[in-house]
Amino acid sequence: MNGLEKKIEETRKKMYDSYLSEQDYDQVLRFSQELDRLLNKWTELKSPQVNR
């Protein structure tokens, strides 16, 4: 697992743990947004290099 994939898994766990512990919704949302950003970056890196 590379660094980005590790960060994705860590962020996913933090988000889920925050949800389960009923933390403030804003905290869960921040983790969700960070996870989206990381997944978009991962997708971009894994996608074929078309018109770049």
Protein backbone atom coordinates (compact mmCIF):
# COMPACT_ATOMS: atom_id res chain seq x y z
CA MET A 1 0.00 0.00 0.00
CA ASN A 2 1.47 3.34 -0.99
CA GLY A 3 1.33 6.56 1.01
CA LEU A 4 -1.81 7.89 -0.65
CA GLU A 5 -3.69 4.63 -0.17
CA LYS A 6 -2.64 4.56 3.48
CA LYS A 7 -3.87 8.14 3.96
CA ILE A 8 -7.20 7.20 2.31
CA GLU A 9 -7.68 4.28 4.70
CA GLU A 10 -6.70 6.38 7.74
CA THR A 11 -9.13 9.14 6.77
CA ARG A 12 -11.92 6.64 6.07
CA LYS A 13 -11.40 5.12 9.53
CA LYS A 14 -11.38 8.54 11.22
CA MET A 15 -14.61 9.48 9.46
CA TYR A 16 -16.32 6.23 10.42
CA ASP A 17 -15.08 6.38 14.00
CA SER A 18 -16.34 9.97 14.28
CA TYR A 19 -19.72 8.89 12.98
CA LEU A 20 -19.94 5.96 15.42
CA SER A 21 -18.94 8.09 18.40
CA GLU A 22 -21.64 10.61 17.43
CA GLN A 23 -19.20 13.48 17.18
CA ASP A 24 -20.26 16.82 15.80
CA TYR A 25 -21.63 16.45 12.27
CA ASP A 26 -19.20 19.11 11.06
CA GLN A 27 -16.27 16.88 12.06
CA VAL A 28 -17.69 13.93 10.11
CA LEU A 29 -18.29 16.22 7.15
CA ARG A 30 -14.68 17.47 7.23
CA PHE A 31 -13.38 13.91 7.17
CA SER A 32 -15.77 13.09 4.33
CA GLN A 33 -14.57 16.06 2.29
CA GLU A 34 -10.94 15.14 2.91
CA LEU A 35 -11.68 11.57 1.86
CA ASP A 36 -13.32 12.84 -1.34
CA ARG A 37 -10.25 14.94 -2.11
CA LEU A 38 -7.92 11.99 -1.54
CA LEU A 39 -10.06 9.62 -3.61
CA ASN A 40 -10.18 12.14 -6.47
CA LYS A 41 -6.40 12.38 -6.35
CA TRP A 42 -6.06 8.58 -6.33
CA THR A 43 -8.48 8.28 -9.28
CA GLU A 44 -6.54 10.92 -11.21
CA LEU A 45 -3.27 9.06 -10.62
CA LYS A 46 -4.77 5.70 -11.65
CA SER A 47 -6.58 7.00 -14.75
CA PRO A 48 -5.00 6.68 -18.18
CA GLN A 49 -3.02 9.76 -19.16
CA VAL A 50 -5.46 11.09 -21.78
CA ASN A 51 -4.88 14.58 -23.21
CA ARG A 52 -2.47 15.63 -20.49
